[in-house]
Amino acid sequence: MATLRIAFVGDSFVNGTGDPDALGWVGRAAASAWRRGHDVTVYNLGIRRDTSTDIAARWRTETARRLPPPPTAALVFSFGANDSVIEDGTSRVPLQTTLDNARTILAAAHAIAPTLMLGPLPIDDAAVNANIAELDTALAPLCAQLGIPYLQVFAPMHASGIWRTEARAGDGAHPAAAGYTALANLVDQWPAWRSWLP
């Protein structure tokens, strides 16, 4: 049995916004680990509309108050969709700034505790999705350079009829229970996640 205290840091997709069961993918992935016999404490630090710049400003303080020293501490990050949203004709955060923020955040986190990164997720907006896809492609080699496992979830969720249908029926960005379940299943089968929680 693994004992882990995991801080999940990110945006509204980490928060599970739109899920009527109030679990999101984080709660479902943790519940699956519990069913396998693991002792998992989840700290959900997802904030709606947060960009990588917002997360860079807060993640250290928020996780320091919650996580014990390794080996029972772990960190999972997911962000980027809000950076990619177009406002006044341009992305909220330029691509290079997002990558610089990600490098700073992830390198520091990796020095503190085992760290995983999920890529940004799609919304129901083709122009924004083009930005998100570009960011997703750029984050993969950055994480590889840092030695941090990276799960590319944009493509499978963009191709998911459930994710798209629920997002469109909701606020245009967030799925409901079935969409988050599909994402949680991807995370739960991810070898990097299973190396923590077999």
C-alpha atoms as a PDB file:
ATOM      1  CA  MET A   1       0.000   0.000   0.000  1.00  0.00           C
ATOM      2  CA  ALA A   2       1.303   3.447  -0.941  1.00  0.00           C
ATOM      3  CA  THR A   3       0.750   6.418   1.350  1.00  0.00           C
ATOM      4  CA  LEU A   4       0.788   9.722  -0.507  1.00  0.00           C
ATOM      5  CA  ARG A   5      -0.251  13.296   0.136  1.00  0.00           C
ATOM      6  CA  ILE A   6      -0.732  14.810  -3.310  1.00  0.00           C
ATOM      7  CA  ALA A   7      -1.231  18.473  -4.159  1.00  0.00           C
ATOM      8  CA  PHE A   8      -2.971  18.985  -7.498  1.00  0.00           C
ATOM      9  CA  VAL A   9      -2.226  22.503  -8.706  1.00  0.00           C
ATOM     10  CA  GLY A  10      -3.823  24.192 -11.678  1.00  0.00           C
ATOM     11  CA  ASP A  11      -6.935  25.690 -13.182  1.00  0.00           C
ATOM     12  CA  SER A  12     -10.668  24.991 -13.325  1.00  0.00           C
ATOM     13  CA  PHE A  13     -10.120  21.597 -14.974  1.00  0.00           C
ATOM     14  CA  VAL A  14      -8.122  20.565 -11.897  1.00  0.00           C
ATOM     15  CA  ASN A  15     -10.875  22.041  -9.751  1.00  0.00           C
ATOM     16  CA  GLY A  16     -13.460  19.916 -11.574  1.00  0.00           C
ATOM     17  CA  THR A  17     -15.659  22.844 -12.559  1.00  0.00           C
ATOM     18  CA  GLY A  18     -18.869  21.713 -14.226  1.00  0.00           C
ATOM     19  CA  ASP A  19     -19.038  18.301 -12.563  1.00  0.00           C
ATOM     20  CA  PRO A  20     -22.391  17.855 -10.787  1.00  0.00           C
ATOM     21  CA  ASP A  21     -20.808  15.116  -8.668  1.00  0.00           C
ATOM     22  CA  ALA A  22     -18.134  17.599  -7.467  1.00  0.00           C
ATOM     23  CA  LEU A  23     -15.344  15.066  -8.064  1.00  0.00           C
ATOM     24  CA  GLY A  24     -13.704  16.066 -11.338  1.00  0.00           C
ATOM     25  CA  TRP A  25     -10.875  13.920 -12.627  1.00  0.00           C
ATOM     26  CA  VAL A  26      -8.822  14.475  -9.482  1.00  0.00           C
ATOM     27  CA  GLY A  27     -11.406  13.002  -7.139  1.00  0.00           C
ATOM     28  CA  ARG A  28     -12.075  10.065  -9.454  1.00  0.00           C
ATOM     29  CA  ALA A  29      -8.389   9.214  -9.919  1.00  0.00           C
ATOM     30  CA  ALA A  30      -7.875   9.364  -6.167  1.00  0.00           C
ATOM     31  CA  ALA A  31     -10.940   7.201  -5.526  1.00  0.00           C
ATOM     32  CA  SER A  32      -9.582   4.587  -7.917  1.00  0.00           C
ATOM     33  CA  ALA A  33      -6.299   4.556  -6.000  1.00  0.00           C
ATOM     34  CA  TRP A  34      -8.214   4.070  -2.748  1.00  0.00           C
ATOM     35  CA  ARG A  35     -10.052   1.119  -4.270  1.00  0.00           C
ATOM     36  CA  ARG A  36      -6.650  -0.439  -5.024  1.00  0.00           C
ATOM     37  CA  GLY A  37      -5.790  -0.146  -1.338  1.00  0.00           C
ATOM     38  CA  HIS A  38      -3.706   3.048  -1.269  1.00  0.00           C
ATOM     39  CA  ASP A  39      -3.843   5.769   1.383  1.00  0.00           C
ATOM     40  CA  VAL A  40      -4.149   8.980  -0.648  1.00  0.00           C
ATOM     41  CA  THR A  41      -4.825  12.461   0.677  1.00  0.00           C
ATOM     42  CA  VAL A  42      -5.786  14.928  -2.054  1.00  0.00           C
ATOM     43  CA  TYR A  43      -5.299  18.682  -1.877  1.00  0.00           C
ATOM     44  CA  ASN A  44      -7.157  20.208  -4.817  1.00  0.00           C
ATOM     45  CA  LEU A  45      -5.563  23.567  -5.570  1.00  0.00           C
ATOM     46  CA  GLY A  46      -7.338  24.278  -8.846  1.00  0.00           C
ATOM     47  CA  ILE A  47      -8.578  27.850  -9.315  1.00  0.00           C
ATOM     48  CA  ARG A  48     -10.896  29.012 -12.083  1.00  0.00           C
ATOM     49  CA  ARG A  49      -9.343  31.293 -14.717  1.00  0.00           C
ATOM     50  CA  ASP A  50      -5.838  30.829 -13.297  1.00  0.00           C
ATOM     51  CA  THR A  51      -3.046  31.141 -15.826  1.00  0.00           C
ATOM     52  CA  SER A  52       0.482  29.833 -15.480  1.00  0.00           C
ATOM     53  CA  THR A  53       1.481  33.269 -14.208  1.00  0.00           C
ATOM     54  CA  ASP A  54      -1.111  33.052 -11.426  1.00  0.00           C
ATOM     55  CA  ILE A  55       0.021  29.557 -10.521  1.00  0.00           C
ATOM     56  CA  ALA A  56       3.680  30.586 -10.479  1.00  0.00           C
ATOM     57  CA  ALA A  57       2.805  33.221  -7.874  1.00  0.00           C
ATOM     58  CA  ARG A  58       0.950  30.908  -5.490  1.00  0.00           C
ATOM     59  CA  TRP A  59       1.935  27.262  -5.761  1.00  0.00           C
ATOM     60  CA  ARG A  60       4.872  27.254  -3.322  1.00  0.00           C
ATOM     61  CA  THR A  61       2.979  28.827  -0.427  1.00  0.00           C
ATOM     62  CA  GLU A  62      -0.135  26.741  -0.954  1.00  0.00           C
ATOM     63  CA  THR A  63       1.672  23.410  -1.220  1.00  0.00           C
ATOM     64  CA  ALA A  64       4.114  24.132   1.607  1.00  0.00           C
ATOM     65  CA  ARG A  65       1.187  24.439   4.015  1.00  0.00           C
ATOM     66  CA  ARG A  66      -0.160  21.031   3.024  1.00  0.00           C
ATOM     67  CA  LEU A  67       2.586  18.616   2.070  1.00  0.00           C
ATOM     68  CA  PRO A  68       4.860  16.683   4.404  1.00  0.00           C
ATOM     69  CA  PRO A  69       8.475  16.035   3.422  1.00  0.00           C
ATOM     70  CA  PRO A  70       9.110  13.257   0.882  1.00  0.00           C
ATOM     71  CA  PRO A  71       8.655  10.351   0.493  1.00  0.00           C
ATOM     72  CA  THR A  72       4.934  10.815   1.174  1.00  0.00           C
ATOM     73  CA  ALA A  73       4.599  14.140  -0.694  1.00  0.00           C
ATOM     74  CA  ALA A  74       3.848  14.473  -4.415  1.00  0.00           C
ATOM     75  CA  LEU A  75       2.795  17.188  -6.847  1.00  0.00           C
ATOM     76  CA  VAL A  76       0.628  17.149  -9.968  1.00  0.00           C
ATOM     77  CA  PHE A  77       0.269  20.210 -12.201  1.00  0.00           C
ATOM     78  CA  SER A  78      -2.086  20.968 -15.068  1.00  0.00           C
ATOM     79  CA  PHE A  79      -2.544  24.366 -16.674  1.00  0.00           C
ATOM     80  CA  GLY A  80      -2.399  26.243 -19.955  1.00  0.00           C
ATOM     81  CA  ALA A  81      -5.935  26.493 -21.319  1.00  0.00           C
ATOM     82  CA  ASN A  82      -6.489  29.865 -19.647  1.00  0.00           C
ATOM     83  CA  ASP A  83      -3.158  31.123 -20.981  1.00  0.00           C
ATOM     84  CA  SER A  84      -4.404  30.248 -24.469  1.00  0.00           C
ATOM     85  CA  VAL A  85      -7.779  31.992 -24.260  1.00  0.00           C
ATOM     86  CA  ILE A  86      -8.004  34.902 -26.684  1.00  0.00           C
ATOM     87  CA  GLU A  87      -8.871  38.275 -25.177  1.00  0.00           C
ATOM     88  CA  ASP A  88      -8.661  41.557 -27.109  1.00  0.00           C
ATOM     89  CA  GLY A  89      -7.282  39.695 -30.090  1.00  0.00           C
ATOM     90  CA  THR A  90      -4.389  37.970 -28.335  1.00  0.00           C
ATOM     91  CA  SER A  91      -3.680  35.136 -25.895  1.00  0.00           C
ATOM     92  CA  ARG A  92      -4.012  35.983 -22.227  1.00  0.00           C
ATOM     93  CA  VAL A  93      -0.423  34.806 -21.759  1.00  0.00           C
ATOM     94  CA  PRO A  94       2.033  34.606 -24.675  1.00  0.00           C
ATOM     95  CA  LEU A  95       3.254  31.115 -25.512  1.00  0.00           C
ATOM     96  CA  GLN A  96       6.867  31.789 -24.562  1.00  0.00           C
ATOM     97  CA  THR A  97       5.828  33.260 -21.224  1.00  0.00           C
ATOM     98  CA  THR A  98       3.745  30.163 -20.499  1.00  0.00           C
ATOM     99  CA  LEU A  99       6.718  27.948 -21.311  1.00  0.00           C
ATOM    100  CA  ASP A 100       9.008  30.059 -19.130  1.00  0.00           C
ATOM    101  CA  ASN A 101       6.501  29.865 -16.272  1.00  0.00           C
ATOM    102  CA  ALA A 102       6.163  26.123 -16.713  1.00  0.00           C
ATOM    103  CA  ARG A 103       9.924  25.614 -16.665  1.00  0.00           C
ATOM    104  CA  THR A 104      10.294  27.673 -13.488  1.00  0.00           C
ATOM    105  CA  ILE A 105       7.378  25.987 -11.711  1.00  0.00           C
ATOM    106  CA  LEU A 106       8.201  22.430 -12.681  1.00  0.00           C
ATOM    107  CA  ALA A 107      11.952  22.625 -12.065  1.00  0.00           C
ATOM    108  CA  ALA A 108      11.353  23.980  -8.570  1.00  0.00           C
ATOM    109  CA  ALA A 109       8.592  21.455  -7.836  1.00  0.00           C
ATOM    110  CA  HIS A 110      10.716  18.554  -9.045  1.00  0.00           C
ATOM    111  CA  ALA A 111      13.408  19.578  -6.556  1.00  0.00           C
ATOM    112  CA  ILE A 112      10.877  19.373  -3.717  1.00  0.00           C
ATOM    113  CA  ALA A 113       8.916  16.183  -4.425  1.00  0.00           C
ATOM    114  CA  PRO A 114       8.002  13.741  -7.213  1.00  0.00           C
ATOM    115  CA  THR A 115       6.125  15.730  -9.850  1.00  0.00           C
ATOM    116  CA  LEU A 116       3.800  14.961 -12.755  1.00  0.00           C
ATOM    117  CA  MET A 117       2.338  17.271 -15.402  1.00  0.00           C
ATOM    118  CA  LEU A 118      -0.875  16.905 -17.394  1.00  0.00           C
ATOM    119  CA  GLY A 119      -1.137  18.973 -20.524  1.00  0.00           C
ATOM    120  CA  PRO A 120      -3.772  21.633 -21.164  1.00  0.00           C
ATOM    121  CA  LEU A 121      -7.282  20.566 -22.057  1.00  0.00           C
ATOM    122  CA  PRO A 122      -9.522  21.561 -24.976  1.00  0.00           C
ATOM    123  CA  ILE A 123     -12.568  23.797 -24.876  1.00  0.00           C
ATOM    124  CA  ASP A 124     -15.375  24.335 -27.367  1.00  0.00           C
ATOM    125  CA  ASP A 125     -13.558  27.058 -29.341  1.00  0.00           C
ATOM    126  CA  ALA A 126     -11.533  26.224 -32.439  1.00  0.00           C
ATOM    127  CA  ALA A 127      -9.256  29.284 -32.298  1.00  0.00           C
ATOM    128  CA  VAL A 128      -8.390  28.749 -28.648  1.00  0.00           C
ATOM    129  CA  ASN A 129      -7.892  25.039 -29.256  1.00  0.00           C
ATOM    130  CA  ALA A 130      -5.303  25.854 -31.917  1.00  0.00           C
ATOM    131  CA  ASN A 131      -3.353  27.767 -29.266  1.00  0.00           C
ATOM    132  CA  ILE A 132      -3.798  24.975 -26.727  1.00  0.00           C
ATOM    133  CA  ALA A 133      -2.577  22.355 -29.199  1.00  0.00           C
ATOM    134  CA  GLU A 134       0.536  24.427 -29.921  1.00  0.00           C
ATOM    135  CA  LEU A 135       1.219  24.777 -26.205  1.00  0.00           C
ATOM    136  CA  ASP A 136       0.672  21.060 -25.619  1.00  0.00           C
ATOM    137  CA  THR A 137       3.213  20.233 -28.311  1.00  0.00           C
ATOM    138  CA  ALA A 138       5.758  22.612 -26.784  1.00  0.00           C
ATOM    139  CA  LEU A 139       5.281  21.421 -23.197  1.00  0.00           C
ATOM    140  CA  ALA A 140       6.107  17.803 -23.988  1.00  0.00           C
ATOM    141  CA  PRO A 141       9.823  18.330 -24.778  1.00  0.00           C
ATOM    142  CA  LEU A 142      10.149  20.875 -21.970  1.00  0.00           C
ATOM    143  CA  CYS A 143       8.964  18.289 -19.444  1.00  0.00           C
ATOM    144  CA  ALA A 144      11.228  15.663 -21.005  1.00  0.00           C
ATOM    145  CA  GLN A 145      14.212  17.984 -20.516  1.00  0.00           C
ATOM    146  CA  LEU A 146      13.282  18.400 -16.859  1.00  0.00           C
ATOM    147  CA  GLY A 147      12.740  14.673 -16.346  1.00  0.00           C
ATOM    148  CA  ILE A 148       9.068  15.167 -15.469  1.00  0.00           C
ATOM    149  CA  PRO A 149       6.483  12.726 -16.870  1.00  0.00           C
ATOM    150  CA  TYR A 150       4.008  14.532 -19.107  1.00  0.00           C
ATOM    151  CA  LEU A 151       0.589  13.245 -20.128  1.00  0.00           C
ATOM    152  CA  GLN A 152      -0.754  14.735 -23.351  1.00  0.00           C
ATOM    153  CA  VAL A 153      -4.503  14.829 -22.822  1.00  0.00           C
ATOM    154  CA  PHE A 154      -5.462  17.461 -25.392  1.00  0.00           C
ATOM    155  CA  ALA A 155      -5.752  15.102 -28.380  1.00  0.00           C
ATOM    156  CA  PRO A 156      -7.741  12.288 -26.721  1.00  0.00           C
ATOM    157  CA  MET A 157     -10.119  14.696 -25.006  1.00  0.00           C
ATOM    158  CA  HIS A 158     -10.523  16.780 -28.165  1.00  0.00           C
ATOM    159  CA  ALA A 159     -11.427  13.574 -29.979  1.00  0.00           C
ATOM    160  CA  SER A 160     -13.808  12.510 -27.216  1.00  0.00           C
ATOM    161  CA  GLY A 161     -17.435  12.939 -28.163  1.00  0.00           C
ATOM    162  CA  ILE A 162     -18.363  12.877 -24.486  1.00  0.00           C
ATOM    163  CA  TRP A 163     -15.979  15.694 -23.561  1.00  0.00           C
ATOM    164  CA  ARG A 164     -17.051  17.908 -26.470  1.00  0.00           C
ATOM    165  CA  THR A 165     -20.763  17.251 -26.035  1.00  0.00           C
ATOM    166  CA  GLU A 166     -20.748  17.981 -22.308  1.00  0.00           C
ATOM    167  CA  ALA A 167     -18.612  21.109 -22.711  1.00  0.00           C
ATOM    168  CA  ARG A 168     -20.926  22.433 -25.411  1.00  0.00           C
ATOM    169  CA  ALA A 169     -23.987  21.704 -23.271  1.00  0.00           C
ATOM    170  CA  GLY A 170     -22.404  23.462 -20.310  1.00  0.00           C
ATOM    171  CA  ASP A 171     -20.364  26.652 -20.319  1.00  0.00           C
ATOM    172  CA  GLY A 172     -18.430  25.898 -23.512  1.00  0.00           C
ATOM    173  CA  ALA A 173     -15.299  24.806 -21.695  1.00  0.00           C
ATOM    174  CA  HIS A 174     -15.936  22.320 -18.911  1.00  0.00           C
ATOM    175  CA  PRO A 175     -17.429  18.838 -19.194  1.00  0.00           C
ATOM    176  CA  ALA A 176     -19.728  17.183 -16.707  1.00  0.00           C
ATOM    177  CA  ALA A 177     -19.322  13.849 -14.910  1.00  0.00           C
ATOM    178  CA  ALA A 178     -18.791  11.618 -17.937  1.00  0.00           C
ATOM    179  CA  GLY A 179     -16.116  13.844 -19.450  1.00  0.00           C
ATOM    180  CA  TYR A 180     -14.164  13.999 -16.209  1.00  0.00           C
ATOM    181  CA  THR A 181     -14.550  10.238 -15.828  1.00  0.00           C
ATOM    182  CA  ALA A 182     -12.967   9.736 -19.246  1.00  0.00           C
ATOM    183  CA  LEU A 183     -10.040  11.961 -18.264  1.00  0.00           C
ATOM    184  CA  ALA A 184      -9.659  10.248 -14.886  1.00  0.00           C
ATOM    185  CA  ASN A 185      -9.466   6.893 -16.669  1.00  0.00           C
ATOM    186  CA  LEU A 186      -6.598   8.196 -18.811  1.00  0.00           C
ATOM    187  CA  VAL A 187      -4.756   9.381 -15.724  1.00  0.00           C
ATOM    188  CA  ASP A 188      -5.448   6.171 -13.849  1.00  0.00           C
ATOM    189  CA  GLN A 189      -3.850   4.082 -16.623  1.00  0.00           C
ATOM    190  CA  TRP A 190      -0.846   6.399 -17.029  1.00  0.00           C
ATOM    191  CA  PRO A 191       2.327   4.448 -16.176  1.00  0.00           C
ATOM    192  CA  ALA A 192       3.814   7.442 -14.361  1.00  0.00           C
ATOM    193  CA  TRP A 193       0.745   7.676 -12.095  1.00  0.00           C
ATOM    194  CA  ARG A 194       0.704   3.929 -11.569  1.00  0.00           C
ATOM    195  CA  SER A 195       4.356   4.037 -10.550  1.00  0.00           C
ATOM    196  CA  TRP A 196       3.162   6.071  -7.550  1.00  0.00           C
ATOM    197  CA  LEU A 197      -0.049   4.124  -6.994  1.00  0.00           C
ATOM    198  CA  PRO A 198       0.196   0.648  -8.595  1.00  0.00           C
END
